[in-house]
């Protein structure tokens, strides 16, 4: 409001819980009542994970899927109905490089992001009669944020003791700018990361055997550091 020509009527903030799927239709209708239309939906809610599968309770995996996957597609469903009526719109989902590869200590998180990738890639093929509705998947690598402070661990009641140093990660404003560029150009998928993480993405995509070898080497060290309480290489933010 202070740096633009926007007024109070141009901004609407609604509290929203992705796990409360019964509230998503009403929230969508509130936005439509206020603005009359929805041009862009950016799905950016979710939590990461730091725990070994063998040590992790199954209710943690259920909670990850409920939030990261089911909550996202629930909200998408109501907004998409409106966009189909208008025959235009953009649905942008912040996935992760973990949606195109795997990494230790994040099996549930990777599963939820792989699920999003599969869902939205399939949804795109169902919307061929609506060429002005864009499905855009954003896959960030490590980005500075507070997501590490809020990760799932081996049980729902436990939080991570240390979030580590984030200076090596991409600045948040850089990630945002590249996301906006991807949206403006209707990219179906964008990998947003600094190297060496971006190079690993290309390796995973085009030389998976080498990628598995490399991930096994790096993963073994990361698990050792995790068990000894050392915060080490973080393969993904989102």
C-alpha atoms as a PDB file:
ATOM      1  CA  UNK A   1       0.000   0.000   0.000  1.00  0.00           C
ATOM      2  CA  UNK A   2       2.880   2.352   0.748  1.00  0.00           C
ATOM      3  CA  UNK A   3       4.850   1.782  -2.473  1.00  0.00           C
ATOM      4  CA  UNK A   4       2.116   1.294  -5.081  1.00  0.00           C
ATOM      5  CA  UNK A   5      -1.175   2.626  -6.350  1.00  0.00           C
ATOM      6  CA  UNK A   6      -3.110  -0.195  -4.726  1.00  0.00           C
ATOM      7  CA  UNK A   7      -5.872   0.578  -2.267  1.00  0.00           C
ATOM      8  CA  UNK A   8      -7.425  -1.385   0.572  1.00  0.00           C
ATOM      9  CA  UNK A   9     -10.003  -2.892  -1.780  1.00  0.00           C
ATOM     10  CA  UNK A  10      -7.189  -4.375  -3.905  1.00  0.00           C
ATOM     11  CA  UNK A  11      -5.881  -6.590  -1.083  1.00  0.00           C
ATOM     12  CA  UNK A  12      -7.675  -9.410   0.694  1.00  0.00           C
ATOM     13  CA  UNK A  13      -5.966 -11.630   3.260  1.00  0.00           C
ATOM     14  CA  UNK A  14      -7.783 -14.811   4.283  1.00  0.00           C
ATOM     15  CA  UNK A  15      -6.522 -17.225   6.959  1.00  0.00           C
ATOM     16  CA  UNK A  16      -6.357 -20.678   5.357  1.00  0.00           C
ATOM     17  CA  UNK A  17      -5.471 -24.144   6.641  1.00  0.00           C
ATOM     18  CA  UNK A  18      -4.659 -26.538   3.802  1.00  0.00           C
ATOM     19  CA  UNK A  19      -5.501 -29.503   6.016  1.00  0.00           C
ATOM     20  CA  UNK A  20      -9.049 -28.195   6.569  1.00  0.00           C
ATOM     21  CA  UNK A  21     -10.293 -29.141   3.123  1.00  0.00           C
ATOM     22  CA  UNK A  22     -13.928 -28.440   3.988  1.00  0.00           C
ATOM     23  CA  UNK A  23     -13.064 -24.719   4.186  1.00  0.00           C
ATOM     24  CA  UNK A  24     -11.486 -24.401   0.740  1.00  0.00           C
ATOM     25  CA  UNK A  25     -14.685 -23.886  -1.242  1.00  0.00           C
ATOM     26  CA  UNK A  26     -15.821 -21.074   1.055  1.00  0.00           C
ATOM     27  CA  UNK A  27     -12.411 -19.411   0.883  1.00  0.00           C
ATOM     28  CA  UNK A  28     -12.492 -19.537  -2.917  1.00  0.00           C
ATOM     29  CA  UNK A  29     -15.974 -18.047  -2.959  1.00  0.00           C
ATOM     30  CA  UNK A  30     -14.845 -15.238  -0.624  1.00  0.00           C
ATOM     31  CA  UNK A  31     -12.092 -14.288  -3.057  1.00  0.00           C
ATOM     32  CA  UNK A  32     -14.498 -14.387  -5.998  1.00  0.00           C
ATOM     33  CA  UNK A  33     -17.019 -12.264  -4.128  1.00  0.00           C
ATOM     34  CA  UNK A  34     -14.348  -9.654  -3.367  1.00  0.00           C
ATOM     35  CA  UNK A  35     -12.511  -9.515  -6.712  1.00  0.00           C
ATOM     36  CA  UNK A  36     -14.973 -11.104  -9.120  1.00  0.00           C
ATOM     37  CA  UNK A  37     -12.317 -13.379 -10.642  1.00  0.00           C
ATOM     38  CA  UNK A  38      -9.132 -15.334  -9.947  1.00  0.00           C
ATOM     39  CA  UNK A  39      -6.351 -14.909 -12.502  1.00  0.00           C
ATOM     40  CA  UNK A  40      -3.558 -16.800 -10.721  1.00  0.00           C
ATOM     41  CA  UNK A  41      -3.396 -19.434  -8.007  1.00  0.00           C
ATOM     42  CA  UNK A  42       0.023 -19.979  -6.431  1.00  0.00           C
ATOM     43  CA  UNK A  43       0.159 -23.142  -4.343  1.00  0.00           C
ATOM     44  CA  UNK A  44       2.969 -22.468  -1.879  1.00  0.00           C
ATOM     45  CA  UNK A  45       1.976 -24.247   1.324  1.00  0.00           C
ATOM     46  CA  UNK A  46       3.869 -27.199   2.728  1.00  0.00           C
ATOM     47  CA  UNK A  47       6.369 -28.631   5.203  1.00  0.00           C
ATOM     48  CA  UNK A  48       9.624 -30.483   4.679  1.00  0.00           C
ATOM     49  CA  UNK A  49      11.032 -33.461   6.605  1.00  0.00           C
ATOM     50  CA  UNK A  50      14.283 -34.496   8.309  1.00  0.00           C
ATOM     51  CA  UNK A  51      14.206 -38.096   9.517  1.00  0.00           C
ATOM     52  CA  UNK A  52      15.118 -41.617   8.462  1.00  0.00           C
ATOM     53  CA  UNK A  53      12.248 -43.734   7.199  1.00  0.00           C
ATOM     54  CA  UNK A  54      12.994 -46.615   9.588  1.00  0.00           C
ATOM     55  CA  UNK A  55      12.719 -44.234  12.560  1.00  0.00           C
ATOM     56  CA  UNK A  56       9.639 -42.327  11.385  1.00  0.00           C
ATOM     57  CA  UNK A  57       6.070 -42.994  12.506  1.00  0.00           C
ATOM     58  CA  UNK A  58       3.599 -43.596   9.690  1.00  0.00           C
ATOM     59  CA  UNK A  59       1.341 -40.788  10.918  1.00  0.00           C
ATOM     60  CA  UNK A  60       4.122 -38.369   9.892  1.00  0.00           C
ATOM     61  CA  UNK A  61       3.868 -39.586   6.296  1.00  0.00           C
ATOM     62  CA  UNK A  62       0.090 -39.254   6.468  1.00  0.00           C
ATOM     63  CA  UNK A  63       0.407 -35.673   7.709  1.00  0.00           C
ATOM     64  CA  UNK A  64       2.910 -34.774   4.976  1.00  0.00           C
ATOM     65  CA  UNK A  65       0.620 -36.075   2.236  1.00  0.00           C
ATOM     66  CA  UNK A  66      -2.437 -34.450   3.789  1.00  0.00           C
ATOM     67  CA  UNK A  67      -0.766 -31.039   3.836  1.00  0.00           C
ATOM     68  CA  UNK A  68       1.601 -30.972   0.861  1.00  0.00           C
ATOM     69  CA  UNK A  69      -0.462 -33.026  -1.581  1.00  0.00           C
ATOM     70  CA  UNK A  70      -4.157 -33.360  -0.694  1.00  0.00           C
ATOM     71  CA  UNK A  71      -4.462 -29.820   0.670  1.00  0.00           C
ATOM     72  CA  UNK A  72      -2.921 -28.409  -2.494  1.00  0.00           C
ATOM     73  CA  UNK A  73      -5.100 -30.318  -4.938  1.00  0.00           C
ATOM     74  CA  UNK A  74      -8.203 -29.583  -2.860  1.00  0.00           C
ATOM     75  CA  UNK A  75      -7.748 -25.832  -3.160  1.00  0.00           C
ATOM     76  CA  UNK A  76      -6.789 -26.240  -6.813  1.00  0.00           C
ATOM     77  CA  UNK A  77     -10.038 -28.067  -7.555  1.00  0.00           C
ATOM     78  CA  UNK A  78     -12.258 -25.172  -6.453  1.00  0.00           C
ATOM     79  CA  UNK A  79     -10.181 -22.507  -8.174  1.00  0.00           C
ATOM     80  CA  UNK A  80      -9.923 -24.553 -11.369  1.00  0.00           C
ATOM     81  CA  UNK A  81     -13.716 -24.807 -11.631  1.00  0.00           C
ATOM     82  CA  UNK A  82     -13.814 -21.009 -11.849  1.00  0.00           C
ATOM     83  CA  UNK A  83     -10.957 -20.854 -14.349  1.00  0.00           C
ATOM     84  CA  UNK A  84     -12.680 -23.404 -16.591  1.00  0.00           C
ATOM     85  CA  UNK A  85     -15.785 -21.215 -16.612  1.00  0.00           C
ATOM     86  CA  UNK A  86     -13.637 -18.237 -17.632  1.00  0.00           C
ATOM     87  CA  UNK A  87     -11.497 -20.434 -19.901  1.00  0.00           C
ATOM     88  CA  UNK A  88      -8.327 -18.768 -18.629  1.00  0.00           C
ATOM     89  CA  UNK A  89      -5.981 -18.606 -15.659  1.00  0.00           C
ATOM     90  CA  UNK A  90      -2.663 -19.796 -14.244  1.00  0.00           C
ATOM     91  CA  UNK A  91      -2.154 -22.487 -11.619  1.00  0.00           C
ATOM     92  CA  UNK A  92       1.380 -22.279 -10.246  1.00  0.00           C
ATOM     93  CA  UNK A  93       2.577 -24.929  -7.813  1.00  0.00           C
ATOM     94  CA  UNK A  94       5.782 -24.633  -5.824  1.00  0.00           C
ATOM     95  CA  UNK A  95       7.079 -28.191  -5.941  1.00  0.00           C
ATOM     96  CA  UNK A  96      10.794 -28.841  -5.366  1.00  0.00           C
ATOM     97  CA  UNK A  97      13.862 -30.350  -6.942  1.00  0.00           C
ATOM     98  CA  UNK A  98      12.881 -33.181  -4.599  1.00  0.00           C
ATOM     99  CA  UNK A  99       9.925 -33.702  -6.912  1.00  0.00           C
ATOM    100  CA  UNK A 100      12.315 -34.871  -9.644  1.00  0.00           C
ATOM    101  CA  UNK A 101      14.917 -36.723  -7.562  1.00  0.00           C
ATOM    102  CA  UNK A 102      15.289 -38.536  -4.257  1.00  0.00           C
ATOM    103  CA  UNK A 103      17.379 -37.793  -1.174  1.00  0.00           C
ATOM    104  CA  UNK A 104      17.959 -39.331   2.255  1.00  0.00           C
ATOM    105  CA  UNK A 105      16.143 -38.019   5.332  1.00  0.00           C
ATOM    106  CA  UNK A 106      13.281 -36.705   3.182  1.00  0.00           C
ATOM    107  CA  UNK A 107      11.453 -39.780   1.877  1.00  0.00           C
ATOM    108  CA  UNK A 108       7.990 -38.524   2.866  1.00  0.00           C
ATOM    109  CA  UNK A 109       8.673 -35.025   1.574  1.00  0.00           C
ATOM    110  CA  UNK A 110      10.019 -36.371  -1.714  1.00  0.00           C
ATOM    111  CA  UNK A 111       6.955 -38.591  -2.035  1.00  0.00           C
ATOM    112  CA  UNK A 112       4.608 -35.632  -1.589  1.00  0.00           C
ATOM    113  CA  UNK A 113       6.448 -33.554  -4.190  1.00  0.00           C
ATOM    114  CA  UNK A 114       6.584 -36.463  -6.647  1.00  0.00           C
ATOM    115  CA  UNK A 115       2.827 -36.774  -6.133  1.00  0.00           C
ATOM    116  CA  UNK A 116       2.332 -33.096  -6.978  1.00  0.00           C
ATOM    117  CA  UNK A 117       4.480 -33.417 -10.088  1.00  0.00           C
ATOM    118  CA  UNK A 118       2.500 -36.429 -11.276  1.00  0.00           C
ATOM    119  CA  UNK A 119      -0.839 -34.820 -10.508  1.00  0.00           C
ATOM    120  CA  UNK A 120      -0.238 -31.487 -12.228  1.00  0.00           C
ATOM    121  CA  UNK A 121       1.492 -33.050 -15.234  1.00  0.00           C
ATOM    122  CA  UNK A 122      -1.578 -35.261 -15.642  1.00  0.00           C
ATOM    123  CA  UNK A 123      -3.978 -32.369 -15.056  1.00  0.00           C
ATOM    124  CA  UNK A 124      -2.258 -30.394 -17.814  1.00  0.00           C
ATOM    125  CA  UNK A 125      -3.159 -33.138 -20.287  1.00  0.00           C
ATOM    126  CA  UNK A 126      -6.810 -32.948 -19.207  1.00  0.00           C
ATOM    127  CA  UNK A 127      -6.980 -29.244 -20.033  1.00  0.00           C
ATOM    128  CA  UNK A 128      -6.046 -29.348 -23.707  1.00  0.00           C
ATOM    129  CA  UNK A 129      -9.424 -27.803 -24.559  1.00  0.00           C
ATOM    130  CA  UNK A 130      -8.457 -24.800 -22.411  1.00  0.00           C
ATOM    131  CA  UNK A 131      -5.181 -23.537 -23.905  1.00  0.00           C
ATOM    132  CA  UNK A 132      -5.330 -20.330 -21.854  1.00  0.00           C
ATOM    133  CA  UNK A 133      -5.228 -22.219 -18.560  1.00  0.00           C
ATOM    134  CA  UNK A 134      -1.549 -22.719 -17.692  1.00  0.00           C
ATOM    135  CA  UNK A 135      -0.245 -25.393 -15.316  1.00  0.00           C
ATOM    136  CA  UNK A 136       3.197 -24.325 -14.069  1.00  0.00           C
ATOM    137  CA  UNK A 137       5.430 -26.354 -11.744  1.00  0.00           C
ATOM    138  CA  UNK A 138       8.187 -24.482  -9.918  1.00  0.00           C
ATOM    139  CA  UNK A 139      11.008 -26.659  -8.543  1.00  0.00           C
ATOM    140  CA  UNK A 140      13.295 -24.689  -6.200  1.00  0.00           C
ATOM    141  CA  UNK A 141      16.489 -26.008  -4.693  1.00  0.00           C
ATOM    142  CA  UNK A 142      17.837 -24.633  -1.399  1.00  0.00           C
ATOM    143  CA  UNK A 143      16.366 -21.152  -0.771  1.00  0.00           C
ATOM    144  CA  UNK A 144      16.623 -19.011   2.335  1.00  0.00           C
ATOM    145  CA  UNK A 145      13.456 -19.353   4.422  1.00  0.00           C
ATOM    146  CA  UNK A 146      12.125 -20.691   7.716  1.00  0.00           C
ATOM    147  CA  UNK A 147      11.015 -24.021   6.288  1.00  0.00           C
ATOM    148  CA  UNK A 148      13.805 -25.899   8.062  1.00  0.00           C
ATOM    149  CA  UNK A 149      12.614 -24.657  11.466  1.00  0.00           C
ATOM    150  CA  UNK A 150       9.220 -26.208  10.778  1.00  0.00           C
ATOM    151  CA  UNK A 151      10.135 -29.594   9.299  1.00  0.00           C
ATOM    152  CA  UNK A 152       8.498 -32.887  10.193  1.00  0.00           C
ATOM    153  CA  UNK A 153      10.756 -35.251  12.156  1.00  0.00           C
ATOM    154  CA  UNK A 154      10.318 -38.885  13.214  1.00  0.00           C
ATOM    155  CA  UNK A 155       7.166 -38.088  15.196  1.00  0.00           C
ATOM    156  CA  UNK A 156       4.598 -35.311  15.005  1.00  0.00           C
ATOM    157  CA  UNK A 157       5.400 -33.901  18.441  1.00  0.00           C
ATOM    158  CA  UNK A 158       9.135 -33.448  17.858  1.00  0.00           C
ATOM    159  CA  UNK A 159      10.749 -30.409  16.252  1.00  0.00           C
ATOM    160  CA  UNK A 160      14.199 -30.046  14.713  1.00  0.00           C
ATOM    161  CA  UNK A 161      16.788 -28.828  17.212  1.00  0.00           C
ATOM    162  CA  UNK A 162      18.956 -26.840  14.766  1.00  0.00           C
ATOM    163  CA  UNK A 163      18.203 -25.304  11.358  1.00  0.00           C
ATOM    164  CA  UNK A 164      21.855 -24.673  10.457  1.00  0.00           C
ATOM    165  CA  UNK A 165      23.426 -21.955   8.344  1.00  0.00           C
ATOM    166  CA  UNK A 166      21.436 -20.693   5.353  1.00  0.00           C
ATOM    167  CA  UNK A 167      23.990 -18.350   3.823  1.00  0.00           C
ATOM    168  CA  UNK A 168      24.831 -20.847   1.050  1.00  0.00           C
ATOM    169  CA  UNK A 169      21.206 -20.921  -0.159  1.00  0.00           C
ATOM    170  CA  UNK A 170      19.640 -18.805  -2.893  1.00  0.00           C
ATOM    171  CA  UNK A 171      18.282 -15.461  -1.584  1.00  0.00           C
ATOM    172  CA  UNK A 172      14.503 -15.444  -1.327  1.00  0.00           C
ATOM    173  CA  UNK A 173      14.006 -12.420  -3.613  1.00  0.00           C
ATOM    174  CA  UNK A 174      16.060 -14.100  -6.361  1.00  0.00           C
ATOM    175  CA  UNK A 175      13.843 -17.180  -6.210  1.00  0.00           C
ATOM    176  CA  UNK A 176      10.726 -15.018  -6.300  1.00  0.00           C
ATOM    177  CA  UNK A 177      11.931 -13.096  -9.349  1.00  0.00           C
ATOM    178  CA  UNK A 178      12.738 -16.279 -11.274  1.00  0.00           C
ATOM    179  CA  UNK A 179       9.358 -17.706 -10.302  1.00  0.00           C
ATOM    180  CA  UNK A 180       7.619 -14.620 -11.690  1.00  0.00           C
ATOM    181  CA  UNK A 181       9.643 -14.861 -14.911  1.00  0.00           C
ATOM    182  CA  UNK A 182       8.566 -18.497 -15.239  1.00  0.00           C
ATOM    183  CA  UNK A 183       4.930 -17.539 -14.693  1.00  0.00           C
ATOM    184  CA  UNK A 184       5.031 -14.689 -17.189  1.00  0.00           C
ATOM    185  CA  UNK A 185       6.425 -17.028 -19.847  1.00  0.00           C
ATOM    186  CA  UNK A 186       4.057 -19.922 -19.065  1.00  0.00           C
ATOM    187  CA  UNK A 187       6.865 -22.409 -18.474  1.00  0.00           C
ATOM    188  CA  UNK A 188       5.489 -25.845 -17.759  1.00  0.00           C
ATOM    189  CA  UNK A 189       8.351 -26.564 -15.343  1.00  0.00           C
ATOM    190  CA  UNK A 190      11.180 -24.455 -13.952  1.00  0.00           C
ATOM    191  CA  UNK A 191      14.168 -25.594 -11.886  1.00  0.00           C
ATOM    192  CA  UNK A 192      15.264 -22.673  -9.720  1.00  0.00           C
ATOM    193  CA  UNK A 193      18.537 -23.326  -7.956  1.00  0.00           C
ATOM    194  CA  UNK A 194      22.184 -22.400  -7.707  1.00  0.00           C
ATOM    195  CA  UNK A 195      24.922 -24.896  -8.487  1.00  0.00           C
ATOM    196  CA  UNK A 196      25.931 -27.526  -7.562  1.00  0.00           C
ATOM    197  CA  UNK A 197      22.306 -28.398  -6.831  1.00  0.00           C
ATOM    198  CA  UNK A 198      21.143 -27.418 -10.314  1.00  0.00           C
ATOM    199  CA  UNK A 199      23.834 -29.597 -11.877  1.00  0.00           C
ATOM    200  CA  UNK A 200      22.550 -32.550  -9.844  1.00  0.00           C
ATOM    201  CA  UNK A 201      19.076 -31.947 -11.298  1.00  0.00           C
ATOM    202  CA  UNK A 202      20.429 -32.225 -14.839  1.00  0.00           C
ATOM    203  CA  UNK A 203      22.422 -35.303 -13.877  1.00  0.00           C
ATOM    204  CA  UNK A 204      19.332 -36.922 -12.387  1.00  0.00           C
ATOM    205  CA  UNK A 205      17.332 -36.125 -15.513  1.00  0.00           C
ATOM    206  CA  UNK A 206      19.826 -37.119 -18.205  1.00  0.00           C
ATOM    207  CA  UNK A 207      22.280 -39.514 -16.516  1.00  0.00           C
ATOM    208  CA  UNK A 208      20.322 -41.208 -13.712  1.00  0.00           C
ATOM    209  CA  UNK A 209      22.827 -44.010 -13.146  1.00  0.00           C
ATOM    210  CA  UNK A 210      25.529 -41.455 -12.346  1.00  0.00           C
ATOM    211  CA  UNK A 211      23.028 -39.516 -10.228  1.00  0.00           C
ATOM    212  CA  UNK A 212      22.211 -42.575  -8.126  1.00  0.00           C
ATOM    213  CA  UNK A 213      25.916 -43.230  -7.601  1.00  0.00           C
ATOM    214  CA  UNK A 214      26.529 -39.629  -6.563  1.00  0.00           C
ATOM    215  CA  UNK A 215      23.491 -39.496  -4.275  1.00  0.00           C
ATOM    216  CA  UNK A 216      24.569 -42.701  -2.538  1.00  0.00           C
ATOM    217  CA  UNK A 217      27.992 -41.175  -1.848  1.00  0.00           C
ATOM    218  CA  UNK A 218      26.597 -37.858  -0.620  1.00  0.00           C
ATOM    219  CA  UNK A 219      23.676 -39.461   1.160  1.00  0.00           C
ATOM    220  CA  UNK A 220      25.856 -41.765   3.240  1.00  0.00           C
ATOM    221  CA  UNK A 221      27.837 -38.804   4.550  1.00  0.00           C
ATOM    222  CA  UNK A 222      24.680 -36.811   5.186  1.00  0.00           C
ATOM    223  CA  UNK A 223      23.110 -39.608   7.221  1.00  0.00           C
ATOM    224  CA  UNK A 224      26.299 -39.953   9.293  1.00  0.00           C
ATOM    225  CA  UNK A 225      26.306 -36.216   9.979  1.00  0.00           C
ATOM    226  CA  UNK A 226      22.605 -36.293  10.852  1.00  0.00           C
ATOM    227  CA  UNK A 227      23.091 -39.103  13.360  1.00  0.00           C
ATOM    228  CA  UNK A 228      26.006 -37.277  14.972  1.00  0.00           C
ATOM    229  CA  UNK A 229      24.000 -34.055  15.246  1.00  0.00           C
ATOM    230  CA  UNK A 230      25.872 -32.144  12.533  1.00  0.00           C
ATOM    231  CA  UNK A 231      23.683 -30.116  10.180  1.00  0.00           C
ATOM    232  CA  UNK A 232      25.051 -30.816   6.700  1.00  0.00           C
ATOM    233  CA  UNK A 233      24.237 -30.349   3.030  1.00  0.00           C
ATOM    234  CA  UNK A 234      20.551 -29.619   2.562  1.00  0.00           C
ATOM    235  CA  UNK A 235      19.281 -30.896  -0.809  1.00  0.00           C
ATOM    236  CA  UNK A 236      16.099 -28.893  -0.945  1.00  0.00           C
ATOM    237  CA  UNK A 237      14.161 -26.068   0.539  1.00  0.00           C
ATOM    238  CA  UNK A 238      10.799 -26.550  -1.079  1.00  0.00           C
END
